[in-house]
Amino acid sequence: MSPMLGAVRAAHPSALITLLVSEQAAPLFLGDRRLDRVLASHLYGRRGRRLPRLRTLFGAGRIAARLGFRYDLVITFLWGTTVLNAIGWLAGRKRGIGYPHLLAGLLRTGPDTYPDQGDIAAGLALLEAAGIQPPDAANPALVVAQQDRTKAQQLLCSRGRLPQRPLVVMHTGSDWACQQWLPERWAQLSDRIRGEYDADIVFTGVAGERSYIQQIQDLMSTSSISIAGDTSLLELAAVISQADFCVSVDSAAHDMAQALSVPAVAIAGPTMPEAPPGRTLRVINRTMAQNRGTILACQSHFPLGLCHDYSCPFAGLKGVSVDRVLDAVARSGFLQSASKSQAVRSHALPAALGGTR
């Protein structure tokens, strides 16, 4: 969604722009200079858990009151819901744009149906309906403050990060076993990237993923760093902003890498991650088409949006090989082989020391 916000600001440079966003994502946008106000929504619990209907309606009324009722334009990005459309109708009676749900009359304009091409295409269609030019692909969609970058550098250095080496972030965790790669393959990939590119490997994630990451590190033959559970969402963005490359499952880390213009490979299950306009994302998805529908139907039976059943035949992304991921990393061209980077450093050293050895 971040690229879309930049397009809205570019189209309305002097407008008062308020963003209503989930409580989980709110920290990412609090320091965003494109926004005048950021309001955190508690309408939906963590991991997509819906609150009781009466509580949702009461919360929607409170949010509408906090937003106010004099907006000239309201856009409900992504799928939206009937409740969100109702909030938009209250806040911006002049013009509300979004995708229709139960009460289509709440919206003044907008596309009739959600496009099959995915979330980015859906956002671009909403911008078109609002008369807004698409986002500028030349600029990062997410901007990390220098103070947050400094904190990230200090955290990494405290764990043994060597600044002269490339930094590769590995984000391994997912809410779903069917979207999480096998730990032995993460270990093999990390060892080979460490050896082939002389890179520092940094594992990121939440506190609950520490044991999973420790399992990966125990299988590795080379050293690595883990900061799982040691960063907030904003601090994770700051760490990724320092990276030369990011390998991730389809998660918030992948979205951050794209928004920060950090080269990335996404290892995906039934989903197909997307890149913002003008950028390239390498997605590795070996889930057969007939299995994708089965997996997505299965996920709909988990109201908390969470399943770590590793006995499931779809768990572990078994169709994705280490060689295939390494090939995607190599073809990106963003990491230099260890032999080449060492040669560059050996040629640069005499000049830095005044030509002496």
Protein backbone atom coordinates (compact mmCIF):
# COMPACT_ATOMS: atom_id res chain seq x y z
CA MET A 1 0.00 0.00 0.00
CA SER A 2 2.93 2.36 0.59
CA PRO A 3 3.45 3.17 -3.12
CA MET A 4 -0.20 4.15 -3.36
CA LEU A 5 0.19 6.63 -0.49
CA GLY A 6 3.01 8.36 -2.34
CA ALA A 7 0.80 8.71 -5.40
CA VAL A 8 -2.01 10.22 -3.31
CA ARG A 9 0.37 12.77 -1.77
CA ALA A 10 1.84 13.67 -5.16
CA ALA A 11 -1.67 14.28 -6.52
CA HIS A 12 -2.74 16.32 -3.48
CA PRO A 13 0.41 17.99 -2.10
CA SER A 14 -1.42 20.45 0.18
CA ALA A 15 -4.21 18.16 1.40
CA LEU A 16 -4.70 16.87 4.93
CA ILE A 17 -4.12 13.13 4.54
CA THR A 18 -5.19 10.72 7.27
CA LEU A 19 -4.33 7.02 7.17
CA LEU A 20 -6.47 4.49 9.00
CA VAL A 21 -4.44 1.29 9.27
CA SER A 22 -4.35 -1.88 11.35
CA GLU A 23 -2.71 -1.71 14.77
CA GLN A 24 -0.03 -4.17 13.62
CA ALA A 25 1.09 -1.99 10.70
CA ALA A 26 0.61 1.43 12.32
CA PRO A 27 4.22 1.75 13.63
CA LEU A 28 5.54 1.62 10.06
CA PHE A 29 3.63 4.75 9.09
CA LEU A 30 3.87 6.92 12.22
CA GLY A 31 6.94 8.77 10.95
CA ASP A 32 5.87 8.92 7.30
CA ARG A 33 6.08 12.54 6.16
CA ARG A 34 3.54 11.94 3.39
CA LEU A 35 0.85 11.59 6.06
CA ASP A 36 -0.61 14.17 8.42
CA ARG A 37 -2.38 11.73 10.73
CA VAL A 38 -2.12 7.99 11.37
CA LEU A 39 -4.95 6.26 13.24
CA ALA A 40 -4.60 2.65 14.38
CA SER A 41 -7.68 0.48 13.84
CA HIS A 42 -8.61 -2.19 16.38
CA LEU A 43 -11.56 -3.44 14.34
CA TYR A 44 -9.90 -6.74 13.55
CA GLY A 45 -7.76 -8.67 16.00
CA ARG A 46 -4.30 -9.96 15.34
CA ARG A 47 -3.89 -12.63 12.64
CA GLY A 48 -7.17 -11.54 11.06
CA ARG A 49 -9.37 -12.59 14.01
CA ARG A 50 -12.71 -10.86 13.76
CA LEU A 51 -14.17 -9.31 16.88
CA PRO A 52 -17.81 -9.91 17.91
CA ARG A 53 -20.22 -8.07 15.61
CA LEU A 54 -21.56 -5.62 18.20
CA ARG A 55 -18.05 -4.78 19.34
CA THR A 56 -17.03 -4.22 15.71
CA LEU A 57 -19.94 -1.84 15.13
CA PHE A 58 -19.17 0.05 18.32
CA GLY A 59 -15.49 0.28 17.34
CA ALA A 60 -16.43 1.49 13.86
CA GLY A 61 -18.47 4.31 15.36
CA ARG A 62 -15.56 5.39 17.53
CA ILE A 63 -13.19 5.33 14.56
CA ALA A 64 -15.58 7.40 12.45
CA ALA A 65 -15.77 9.97 15.25
CA ARG A 66 -11.97 10.13 15.48
CA LEU A 67 -11.63 10.50 11.72
CA GLY A 68 -14.17 13.30 11.41
CA PHE A 69 -16.73 13.81 8.68
CA ARG A 70 -15.37 16.39 6.24
CA TYR A 71 -13.05 14.54 3.88
CA ASP A 72 -13.33 15.33 0.19
CA LEU A 73 -11.98 11.93 -0.82
CA VAL A 74 -11.84 8.57 0.96
CA ILE A 75 -10.15 5.52 -0.60
CA THR A 76 -10.51 2.06 0.92
CA PHE A 77 -7.47 0.14 -0.34
CA LEU A 78 -7.12 -3.64 -0.65
CA TRP A 79 -10.26 -5.73 -0.32
CA GLY A 80 -11.90 -3.60 2.34
CA THR A 81 -15.06 -4.65 4.17
CA THR A 82 -18.61 -3.42 4.48
CA VAL A 83 -17.72 -1.86 7.83
CA LEU A 84 -14.72 -0.01 6.39
CA ASN A 85 -16.82 1.22 3.50
CA ALA A 86 -19.40 2.48 5.98
CA ILE A 87 -16.69 4.38 7.87
CA GLY A 88 -15.53 5.85 4.57
CA TRP A 89 -19.09 6.85 3.72
CA LEU A 90 -19.42 8.69 7.02
CA ALA A 91 -16.02 10.37 6.74
CA GLY A 92 -16.21 11.35 3.09
CA ARG A 93 -19.74 11.73 1.85
CA LYS A 94 -18.54 13.74 -1.14
CA ARG A 95 -16.55 10.90 -2.66
CA GLY A 96 -15.82 7.38 -1.43
CA ILE A 97 -13.85 4.89 -3.53
CA GLY A 98 -13.36 1.19 -2.87
CA TYR A 99 -14.55 -2.27 -3.76
CA PRO A 100 -18.25 -3.01 -3.13
CA HIS A 101 -19.41 -5.42 -0.44
CA LEU A 102 -22.86 -5.97 1.06
CA LEU A 103 -23.94 -2.33 0.75
CA ALA A 104 -22.62 -1.17 -2.60
CA GLY A 105 -24.45 2.14 -2.28
CA LEU A 106 -21.98 3.28 0.37
CA LEU A 107 -19.49 4.05 -2.40
CA ARG A 108 -19.81 6.87 -4.88
CA THR A 109 -17.31 5.51 -7.42
CA GLY A 110 -14.88 2.65 -7.83
CA PRO A 111 -14.29 -0.56 -9.81
CA ASP A 112 -17.11 -3.09 -9.81
CA THR A 113 -15.02 -6.15 -8.93
CA TYR A 114 -11.63 -6.95 -7.42
CA PRO A 115 -9.17 -7.70 -10.26
CA ASP A 116 -7.68 -11.16 -10.67
CA GLN A 117 -4.18 -9.70 -11.07
CA GLY A 118 -3.74 -9.13 -7.31
CA ASP A 119 -3.47 -6.38 -4.71
CA ILE A 120 -1.23 -4.00 -6.65
CA ALA A 121 -3.51 -4.07 -9.68
CA ALA A 122 -6.42 -3.52 -7.32
CA GLY A 123 -4.74 -0.44 -5.82
CA LEU A 124 -3.91 0.99 -9.23
CA ALA A 125 -7.53 0.57 -10.30
CA LEU A 126 -8.65 2.56 -7.25
CA LEU A 127 -6.15 5.32 -8.02
CA GLU A 128 -7.45 5.49 -11.58
CA ALA A 129 -11.01 5.79 -10.27
CA ALA A 130 -9.83 8.66 -8.07
CA GLY A 131 -8.09 10.40 -10.99
CA ILE A 132 -4.64 9.90 -9.45
CA GLN A 133 -1.52 9.06 -11.43
CA PRO A 134 0.18 5.73 -10.55
CA PRO A 135 3.13 5.82 -8.13
CA ASP A 136 6.61 6.86 -9.22
CA ALA A 137 8.67 3.68 -9.44
CA ALA A 138 11.93 5.62 -9.07
CA ASN A 139 11.34 6.39 -5.39
CA PRO A 140 11.22 4.00 -2.42
CA ALA A 141 7.69 3.60 -1.11
CA LEU A 142 8.83 3.31 2.50
CA VAL A 143 11.33 5.74 4.03
CA VAL A 144 13.27 4.84 7.18
CA ALA A 145 14.50 7.71 9.38
CA GLN A 146 18.26 8.06 9.87
CA GLN A 147 17.95 7.54 13.61
CA ASP A 148 16.27 4.18 12.99
CA ARG A 149 18.98 3.23 10.52
CA THR A 150 21.60 4.07 13.15
CA LYS A 151 19.83 1.88 15.73
CA ALA A 152 19.74 -0.96 13.24
CA GLN A 153 23.47 -0.62 12.56
CA GLN A 154 24.22 -0.63 16.28
CA LEU A 155 22.09 -3.74 16.86
CA LEU A 156 23.75 -5.62 14.00
CA CYS A 157 27.26 -4.61 15.06
CA SER A 158 26.56 -5.71 18.62
CA ARG A 159 25.81 -9.19 17.25
CA GLY A 160 29.03 -9.40 15.23
CA ARG A 161 28.06 -7.81 11.93
CA LEU A 162 31.11 -6.79 9.85
CA PRO A 163 30.22 -3.69 7.78
CA GLN A 164 32.69 -4.54 5.01
CA ARG A 165 30.71 -7.64 4.12
CA PRO A 166 27.46 -7.73 2.15
CA LEU A 167 24.41 -8.15 4.36
CA VAL A 168 21.77 -10.74 3.48
CA VAL A 169 18.58 -10.86 5.52
CA MET A 170 16.81 -14.21 5.86
CA HIS A 171 13.21 -13.94 7.04
CA THR A 172 12.04 -17.50 7.56
CA GLY A 173 8.81 -17.29 9.56
CA SER A 174 5.21 -17.56 8.43
CA ASP A 175 1.86 -18.06 10.10
CA TRP A 176 1.39 -21.09 7.86
CA ALA A 177 3.36 -24.33 7.66
CA CYS A 178 2.42 -24.52 3.98
CA GLN A 179 4.20 -21.21 3.38
CA GLN A 180 7.31 -21.96 5.44
CA TRP A 181 10.43 -23.57 3.98
CA LEU A 182 12.20 -26.60 5.46
CA PRO A 183 14.84 -25.62 8.06
CA GLU A 184 17.54 -27.81 6.48
CA ARG A 185 17.10 -25.93 3.20
CA TRP A 186 17.36 -22.55 4.90
CA ALA A 187 20.61 -23.82 6.47
CA GLN A 188 22.01 -25.02 3.14
CA LEU A 189 21.05 -21.79 1.40
CA SER A 190 22.59 -19.66 4.14
CA ASP A 191 25.85 -21.63 4.13
CA ARG A 192 26.19 -21.35 0.37
CA ILE A 193 25.42 -17.63 0.25
CA ARG A 194 27.87 -17.09 3.10
CA GLY A 195 30.55 -19.00 1.19
CA GLU A 196 29.87 -17.77 -2.34
CA TYR A 197 29.36 -14.10 -1.52
CA ASP A 198 31.31 -13.67 1.75
CA ALA A 199 28.11 -12.25 3.22
CA ASP A 200 26.87 -11.78 6.74
CA ILE A 201 23.66 -13.78 7.22
CA VAL A 202 21.09 -12.19 9.55
CA PHE A 203 17.93 -14.03 10.53
CA THR A 204 14.93 -11.89 11.45
CA GLY A 205 11.54 -12.78 12.91
CA VAL A 206 9.36 -12.57 15.99
CA ALA A 207 10.19 -14.01 19.41
CA GLY A 208 8.08 -17.10 18.80
CA GLU A 209 10.33 -18.03 15.85
CA ARG A 210 13.58 -18.08 17.83
CA SER A 211 13.57 -21.86 18.29
CA TYR A 212 12.87 -22.42 14.58
CA ILE A 213 15.76 -20.12 13.64
CA GLN A 214 18.02 -21.79 16.22
CA GLN A 215 17.21 -25.10 14.55
CA ILE A 216 18.38 -23.61 11.23
CA GLN A 217 21.56 -22.22 12.79
CA ASP A 218 22.36 -25.57 14.43
CA LEU A 219 22.23 -27.19 10.97
CA MET A 220 24.60 -24.61 9.47
CA SER A 221 28.34 -25.14 9.12
CA THR A 222 29.07 -21.38 9.01
CA SER A 223 28.31 -18.55 11.42
CA SER A 224 25.20 -16.36 11.31
CA ILE A 225 23.35 -13.74 13.34
CA SER A 226 19.83 -13.93 14.75
CA ILE A 227 17.87 -10.87 15.91
CA ALA A 228 14.53 -12.67 16.04
CA GLY A 229 12.30 -11.08 18.66
CA ASP A 230 14.66 -8.13 19.11
CA THR A 231 13.03 -5.69 16.69
CA SER A 232 9.74 -3.89 16.38
CA LEU A 233 8.09 -3.71 12.97
CA LEU A 234 9.73 -0.32 12.33
CA GLU A 235 13.11 -1.60 13.51
CA LEU A 236 12.76 -4.60 11.21
CA ALA A 237 12.25 -2.19 8.32
CA ALA A 238 15.40 -0.34 9.40
CA VAL A 239 17.40 -3.60 9.40
CA ILE A 240 16.10 -4.58 5.96
CA SER A 241 16.97 -1.10 4.68
CA GLN A 242 20.64 -1.90 5.49
CA ALA A 243 20.58 -5.16 3.53
CA ASP A 244 22.15 -5.84 0.15
CA PHE A 245 19.65 -8.64 -0.39
CA CYS A 246 16.64 -10.22 1.29
CA VAL A 247 15.37 -13.79 1.03
CA SER A 248 11.94 -14.21 2.58
CA VAL A 249 8.79 -16.23 2.60
CA ASP A 250 5.65 -14.34 1.57
CA SER A 251 5.47 -12.12 4.64
CA ALA A 252 5.75 -8.54 5.87
CA ALA A 253 9.52 -8.70 5.33
CA HIS A 254 9.01 -9.26 1.61
CA ASP A 255 6.66 -6.27 1.45
CA MET A 256 9.19 -4.11 3.33
CA ALA A 257 12.04 -5.12 1.02
CA GLN A 258 9.96 -4.14 -2.01
CA ALA A 259 8.90 -0.85 -0.43
CA LEU A 260 12.53 -0.05 0.47
CA SER A 261 13.85 -1.02 -3.02
CA VAL A 262 15.97 -3.80 -1.50
CA PRO A 263 16.55 -6.66 -3.98
CA ALA A 264 14.60 -9.73 -2.88
CA VAL A 265 13.69 -13.32 -3.61
CA ALA A 266 10.36 -14.52 -2.24
CA ILE A 267 9.85 -18.21 -1.52
CA ALA A 268 6.08 -18.60 -1.77
CA GLY A 269 3.48 -21.29 -1.22
CA PRO A 270 -0.04 -20.94 -2.61
CA THR A 271 0.37 -17.17 -2.94
CA MET A 272 2.18 -15.16 -5.62
CA PRO A 273 3.82 -12.02 -4.14
CA GLU A 274 3.84 -8.90 -6.27
CA ALA A 275 6.31 -6.11 -6.91
CA PRO A 276 5.39 -2.42 -6.96
CA PRO A 277 5.15 -0.84 -10.43
CA GLY A 278 8.52 -0.53 -12.14
CA ARG A 279 10.32 -3.02 -9.88
CA THR A 280 11.28 -6.65 -10.32
CA LEU A 281 10.58 -9.36 -7.76
CA ARG A 282 11.83 -12.91 -8.15
CA VAL A 283 9.23 -15.32 -6.84
CA ILE A 284 9.89 -19.02 -6.45
CA ASN A 285 6.65 -20.98 -6.25
CA ARG A 286 6.64 -24.67 -7.07
CA THR A 287 3.15 -25.35 -5.71
CA MET A 288 1.12 -27.00 -8.44
CA ALA A 289 -1.95 -25.07 -9.55
CA GLN A 290 -4.37 -27.79 -8.46
CA ASN A 291 -2.82 -27.78 -4.98
CA ARG A 292 -3.06 -24.01 -4.55
CA GLY A 293 -6.85 -24.07 -4.47
CA THR A 294 -6.80 -26.92 -1.95
CA ILE A 295 -4.40 -25.04 0.33
CA LEU A 296 -6.29 -21.76 0.16
CA ALA A 297 -9.57 -23.57 0.90
CA CYS A 298 -7.91 -25.25 3.89
CA GLN A 299 -6.63 -21.92 5.21
CA SER A 300 -10.17 -20.55 5.27
CA HIS A 301 -10.99 -23.02 8.06
CA PHE A 302 -8.50 -21.38 10.44
CA PRO A 303 -10.22 -18.24 11.83
CA LEU A 304 -7.06 -17.13 13.67
CA GLY A 305 -5.06 -17.22 10.43
CA LEU A 306 -2.49 -19.64 11.84
CA CYS A 307 -1.53 -23.26 11.22
CA HIS A 308 1.82 -24.85 12.10
CA ASP A 309 0.90 -28.43 11.32
CA TYR A 310 4.18 -29.67 9.84
CA SER A 311 2.74 -33.16 9.38
CA CYS A 312 0.52 -31.75 6.62
CA PRO A 313 1.61 -33.01 3.18
CA PHE A 314 1.61 -29.41 1.92
CA ALA A 315 3.94 -28.15 4.68
CA GLY A 316 7.53 -27.08 4.10
CA LEU A 317 7.46 -25.89 0.48
CA LYS A 318 9.10 -29.17 -0.52
CA GLY A 319 8.93 -28.32 -4.21
CA VAL A 320 11.37 -25.41 -3.82
CA SER A 321 15.02 -26.50 -4.07
CA VAL A 322 18.07 -24.70 -2.69
CA ASP A 323 19.63 -24.58 -6.16
CA ARG A 324 16.58 -22.81 -7.54
CA VAL A 325 16.76 -20.09 -4.91
CA LEU A 326 20.51 -19.70 -5.36
CA ASP A 327 20.00 -19.36 -9.12
CA ALA A 328 17.48 -16.56 -8.54
CA VAL A 329 19.95 -14.80 -6.24
CA ALA A 330 22.75 -15.12 -8.80
CA ARG A 331 20.59 -13.98 -11.73
CA SER A 332 19.57 -10.85 -9.83
CA GLY A 333 23.18 -9.59 -10.11
CA PHE A 334 22.98 -7.66 -6.84
CA LEU A 335 25.54 -9.77 -4.95
CA GLN A 336 29.16 -10.10 -6.04
CA SER A 337 30.97 -13.42 -5.70
CA ALA A 338 33.48 -13.66 -2.87
CA SER A 339 36.43 -14.02 -5.28
CA LYS A 340 35.50 -10.82 -7.13
CA SER A 341 34.81 -8.82 -3.98
CA GLN A 342 38.12 -9.94 -2.42
CA ALA A 343 39.94 -8.89 -5.60
CA VAL A 344 38.32 -5.46 -5.43
CA ARG A 345 39.36 -5.07 -1.79
CA SER A 346 42.96 -6.19 -2.48
CA HIS A 347 43.31 -3.61 -5.29
CA ALA A 348 41.76 -0.88 -3.19
CA LEU A 349 43.94 -1.50 -0.11
CA PRO A 350 47.29 -0.12 -1.43
CA ALA A 351 45.64 3.08 -2.61
CA ALA A 352 44.04 3.56 0.79
CA LEU A 353 47.46 3.14 2.45
CA GLY A 354 49.25 5.51 0.13
CA GLY A 355 50.54 2.80 -2.19
CA THR A 356 52.46 0.80 0.43
CA ARG A 357 52.06 -2.80 1.57
